[in-house]
N, C-alpha and C. Protein backbone atom coordinates (compact mmCIF):
# COMPACT_ATOMS: atom_id res chain seq x y z
N MET A 1 37.16 1.10 -16.15
CA MET A 1 38.24 0.02 -14.97
C MET A 1 36.62 -0.46 -14.62
N THR A 2 36.44 -1.84 -14.77
CA THR A 2 35.85 -2.64 -14.34
C THR A 2 35.95 -3.75 -13.10
N ASP A 3 35.26 -3.67 -12.28
CA ASP A 3 34.95 -4.37 -11.15
C ASP A 3 34.75 -5.29 -10.58
N ASN A 4 35.06 -6.68 -11.01
CA ASN A 4 34.40 -8.05 -11.08
C ASN A 4 34.09 -8.42 -10.03
N VAL A 5 32.69 -8.82 -10.04
CA VAL A 5 32.42 -8.95 -8.76
C VAL A 5 31.99 -10.43 -8.78
N GLU A 6 32.44 -11.28 -7.45
CA GLU A 6 31.86 -12.71 -7.48
C GLU A 6 30.84 -12.91 -6.68
N TYR A 7 30.31 -13.78 -7.42
CA TYR A 7 29.00 -14.10 -6.46
C TYR A 7 28.72 -15.65 -5.44
N ILE A 8 28.51 -15.02 -4.51
CA ILE A 8 27.83 -16.95 -3.76
C ILE A 8 26.89 -17.56 -4.16
N GLN A 9 27.05 -18.59 -4.31
CA GLN A 9 25.72 -19.02 -4.76
C GLN A 9 25.51 -20.14 -3.48
N SER A 10 24.03 -20.23 -2.75
CA SER A 10 24.10 -20.66 -2.00
C SER A 10 23.72 -22.40 -2.04
N PRO A 11 23.45 -23.18 -1.15
CA PRO A 11 23.48 -24.73 -1.28
C PRO A 11 22.07 -24.16 -1.37
N LEU A 12 21.37 -23.64 -0.81
CA LEU A 12 20.06 -23.85 -0.64
C LEU A 12 18.90 -23.63 -2.85
N CYS A 13 20.09 -23.64 -3.04
CA CYS A 13 20.06 -22.95 -4.45
C CYS A 13 19.31 -25.00 -5.29
N GLN A 14 18.18 -25.19 -6.07
CA GLN A 14 17.24 -26.54 -6.43
C GLN A 14 16.32 -26.02 -7.66
N GLN A 15 16.13 -27.20 -8.38
CA GLN A 15 14.98 -27.28 -9.24
C GLN A 15 13.52 -27.76 -8.43
N TYR A 16 12.40 -26.87 -8.77
CA TYR A 16 11.34 -27.33 -8.27
C TYR A 16 10.40 -27.59 -10.05
N SER A 17 9.97 -29.20 -9.97
CA SER A 17 8.81 -29.35 -11.05
C SER A 17 7.71 -29.80 -10.35
N ASP A 18 6.78 -28.85 -11.31
CA ASP A 18 4.78 -28.87 -11.00
C ASP A 18 4.16 -28.87 -12.44
N SER A 19 3.60 -29.95 -12.65
CA SER A 19 2.82 -29.27 -13.93
C SER A 19 3.21 -30.25 -15.33
N GLY A 20 4.63 -31.10 -15.13
CA GLY A 20 5.38 -30.99 -16.07
C GLY A 20 6.68 -30.31 -16.55
N GLN A 21 6.57 -28.73 -15.76
CA GLN A 21 6.81 -27.48 -15.39
C GLN A 21 8.38 -27.59 -14.52
N THR A 22 9.75 -27.64 -15.20
CA THR A 22 10.41 -27.78 -13.98
C THR A 22 11.14 -25.99 -14.05
N VAL A 23 11.46 -25.18 -13.25
CA VAL A 23 12.51 -23.87 -13.08
C VAL A 23 13.69 -24.01 -12.32
N ASP A 24 14.17 -23.70 -12.44
CA ASP A 24 15.61 -23.46 -10.96
C ASP A 24 15.46 -22.12 -10.03
N ILE A 25 15.68 -22.84 -8.92
CA ILE A 25 15.56 -21.48 -7.70
C ILE A 25 16.68 -21.41 -7.59
N ASP A 26 16.96 -20.02 -8.27
CA ASP A 26 18.85 -19.75 -7.87
C ASP A 26 18.79 -18.39 -6.59
N ILE A 27 19.81 -19.06 -5.48
CA ILE A 27 20.28 -17.58 -4.67
C ILE A 27 21.31 -17.22 -4.17
N TYR A 28 21.47 -16.26 -4.47
CA TYR A 28 23.08 -15.73 -4.48
C TYR A 28 23.22 -14.33 -4.17
N ARG A 29 24.31 -14.00 -3.55
CA ARG A 29 24.25 -12.82 -3.10
C ARG A 29 26.10 -12.56 -3.10
N THR A 30 26.94 -10.94 -3.33
CA THR A 30 27.78 -10.81 -2.91
C THR A 30 28.02 -10.68 -1.62
N GLU A 31 29.34 -10.81 -1.88
CA GLU A 31 30.32 -10.36 0.09
C GLU A 31 29.41 -9.69 0.20
N ASP A 32 28.96 -8.42 0.38
CA ASP A 32 28.35 -7.17 1.18
C ASP A 32 26.33 -7.22 0.86
N SER A 33 25.96 -7.82 0.35
CA SER A 33 24.55 -7.77 -0.30
C SER A 33 24.18 -9.31 0.63
N GLY A 34 22.79 -8.73 0.62
CA GLY A 34 21.64 -9.32 0.93
C GLY A 34 22.04 -10.43 -0.03
N TRP A 35 20.73 -11.72 0.25
CA TRP A 35 20.10 -12.75 -0.64
C TRP A 35 19.28 -12.18 -1.64
N ILE A 36 20.12 -12.80 -2.79
CA ILE A 36 19.11 -12.16 -4.28
C ILE A 36 18.18 -13.38 -4.40
N LEU A 37 17.13 -13.71 -5.03
CA LEU A 37 16.48 -14.55 -5.52
C LEU A 37 16.16 -15.26 -6.58
N GLU A 38 16.17 -15.45 -7.72
CA GLU A 38 16.02 -15.61 -8.87
C GLU A 38 15.47 -16.74 -9.50
N ILE A 39 14.21 -17.14 -10.15
CA ILE A 39 13.55 -18.59 -10.47
C ILE A 39 13.43 -17.95 -11.61
N VAL A 40 14.58 -18.85 -12.64
CA VAL A 40 14.81 -19.11 -14.27
C VAL A 40 14.61 -20.68 -15.08
N ASP A 41 13.28 -19.92 -15.75
CA ASP A 41 12.70 -20.92 -16.39
C ASP A 41 13.93 -22.33 -17.46
N SER A 42 13.48 -23.18 -18.06
CA SER A 42 13.81 -23.77 -19.07
C SER A 42 14.37 -22.93 -20.11
N GLY A 43 13.37 -21.77 -20.79
CA GLY A 43 13.76 -20.87 -21.45
C GLY A 43 15.00 -19.69 -21.41
N ASN A 44 14.81 -19.80 -19.93
CA ASN A 44 16.10 -18.93 -19.41
C ASN A 44 15.10 -17.53 -19.14
N ASN A 45 14.35 -17.50 -19.07
CA ASN A 45 13.40 -16.08 -18.55
C ASN A 45 13.29 -16.37 -16.99
N SER A 46 13.91 -15.01 -16.58
CA SER A 46 14.08 -15.34 -15.07
C SER A 46 12.98 -13.92 -14.18
N THR A 47 12.60 -14.33 -13.06
CA THR A 47 11.53 -13.47 -12.19
C THR A 47 13.12 -13.52 -10.89
N VAL A 48 13.12 -12.17 -10.89
CA VAL A 48 14.02 -11.24 -9.86
C VAL A 48 13.47 -11.03 -8.76
N TRP A 49 13.13 -11.31 -7.31
CA TRP A 49 12.68 -10.22 -6.09
C TRP A 49 13.66 -9.08 -6.12
N GLU A 50 12.59 -8.16 -5.81
CA GLU A 50 13.31 -6.60 -6.08
C GLU A 50 14.44 -6.28 -4.71
N ASP A 51 13.78 -6.81 -3.29
CA ASP A 51 14.32 -6.72 -2.06
C ASP A 51 14.84 -7.94 -1.78
N PRO A 52 16.57 -7.56 -1.40
CA PRO A 52 17.66 -8.53 -1.12
C PRO A 52 16.65 -9.24 -0.07
N PHE A 53 17.40 -10.77 0.62
CA PHE A 53 16.73 -11.77 1.96
C PHE A 53 17.97 -11.24 2.78
N GLU A 54 17.44 -11.13 3.96
CA GLU A 54 18.72 -11.82 5.04
C GLU A 54 19.33 -12.87 4.86
N THR A 55 18.43 -14.03 4.98
CA THR A 55 19.18 -15.25 4.72
C THR A 55 19.00 -15.83 3.45
N ASP A 56 19.43 -16.92 3.21
CA ASP A 56 19.21 -17.78 2.22
C ASP A 56 18.10 -18.58 2.31
N GLN A 57 17.90 -18.83 3.68
CA GLN A 57 16.46 -19.85 3.82
C GLN A 57 15.29 -18.99 3.53
N ASP A 58 15.82 -17.54 3.88
CA ASP A 58 14.44 -17.03 4.09
C ASP A 58 14.00 -16.94 2.33
N ALA A 59 15.10 -16.71 1.26
CA ALA A 59 15.42 -16.44 0.28
C ALA A 59 13.89 -17.91 -0.79
N LEU A 60 14.65 -19.65 -0.10
CA LEU A 60 13.63 -20.52 -0.59
C LEU A 60 12.80 -20.78 -0.27
N ASP A 61 12.59 -19.81 1.17
CA ASP A 61 10.59 -19.68 2.10
C ASP A 61 10.04 -19.65 1.23
N GLU A 62 10.71 -18.36 0.27
CA GLU A 62 9.58 -16.73 -0.10
C GLU A 62 9.76 -17.83 -1.51
N ALA A 63 10.21 -18.74 -2.04
CA ALA A 63 10.09 -19.07 -3.21
C ALA A 63 9.39 -20.18 -3.28
N LEU A 64 9.77 -20.84 -2.65
CA LEU A 64 8.70 -22.36 -2.25
C LEU A 64 6.65 -21.49 -2.31
N ASP A 65 7.34 -20.88 -1.74
CA ASP A 65 5.31 -20.35 -0.97
C ASP A 65 4.81 -19.33 -2.42
N ALA A 66 5.85 -18.52 -3.28
CA ALA A 66 5.48 -17.68 -4.13
C ALA A 66 5.11 -19.27 -5.53
N LEU A 67 5.45 -20.19 -5.83
CA LEU A 67 5.13 -20.90 -6.67
C LEU A 67 4.40 -22.30 -6.08
N LYS A 68 3.97 -22.42 -4.39
CA LYS A 68 3.44 -23.00 -4.29
C LYS A 68 1.79 -21.95 -4.59
N GLN A 69 1.80 -21.10 -4.15
CA GLN A 69 0.54 -20.52 -4.35
C GLN A 69 0.06 -19.79 -5.63
N GLU A 70 1.03 -18.74 -6.68
CA GLU A 70 1.09 -18.74 -8.24
C GLU A 70 0.86 -19.77 -9.19
N GLY A 71 1.16 -20.89 -9.04
CA GLY A 71 1.70 -22.38 -9.67
C GLY A 71 3.24 -21.54 -10.57
N ILE A 72 3.46 -22.64 -10.94
CA ILE A 72 4.53 -23.11 -11.85
C ILE A 72 4.32 -22.23 -12.84
N GLU A 73 3.55 -21.99 -13.35
CA GLU A 73 2.76 -21.54 -14.89
C GLU A 73 3.25 -19.70 -14.59
N ALA A 74 2.87 -19.15 -13.79
CA ALA A 74 3.35 -18.06 -13.41
C ALA A 74 4.89 -17.58 -13.19
N PHE A 75 5.46 -18.09 -13.25
CA PHE A 75 6.45 -18.01 -13.47
C PHE A 75 7.85 -19.01 -14.90
N VAL A 76 6.85 -19.20 -15.68
CA VAL A 76 7.43 -19.83 -17.22
C VAL A 76 7.20 -19.03 -18.19
N GLY A 77 7.63 -18.46 -19.38
CA GLY A 77 7.30 -17.78 -20.34
C GLY A 77 7.47 -18.59 -21.39
N THR A 78 6.62 -18.08 -22.46
CA THR A 78 5.95 -18.26 -23.41
C THR A 78 6.98 -18.89 -24.10
N PHE A 79 6.26 -19.99 -25.44
CA PHE A 79 7.40 -20.52 -25.36
C PHE A 79 7.03 -20.89 -27.33
N GLU A 80 7.05 -20.01 -27.86
CA GLU A 80 7.00 -20.53 -29.95
C GLU A 80 7.31 -21.30 -30.69
């Protein structure tokens, strides 16, 4: 038997662009979980934080801080 899990998408999800690159900041949860943060590049490569966040705003703040401190290149896969 398979349980269908419904995800709740945060209204704070957005795109972030810098240095000619763009990533999607995805923030979502299930009814009984914390907020999950995922950054996805245009090649569908993703970086997911292991620990959930209490609020979607906390997740967004973490994403923006990481993108500014580490640079967008840290979240973009290589393309061939």
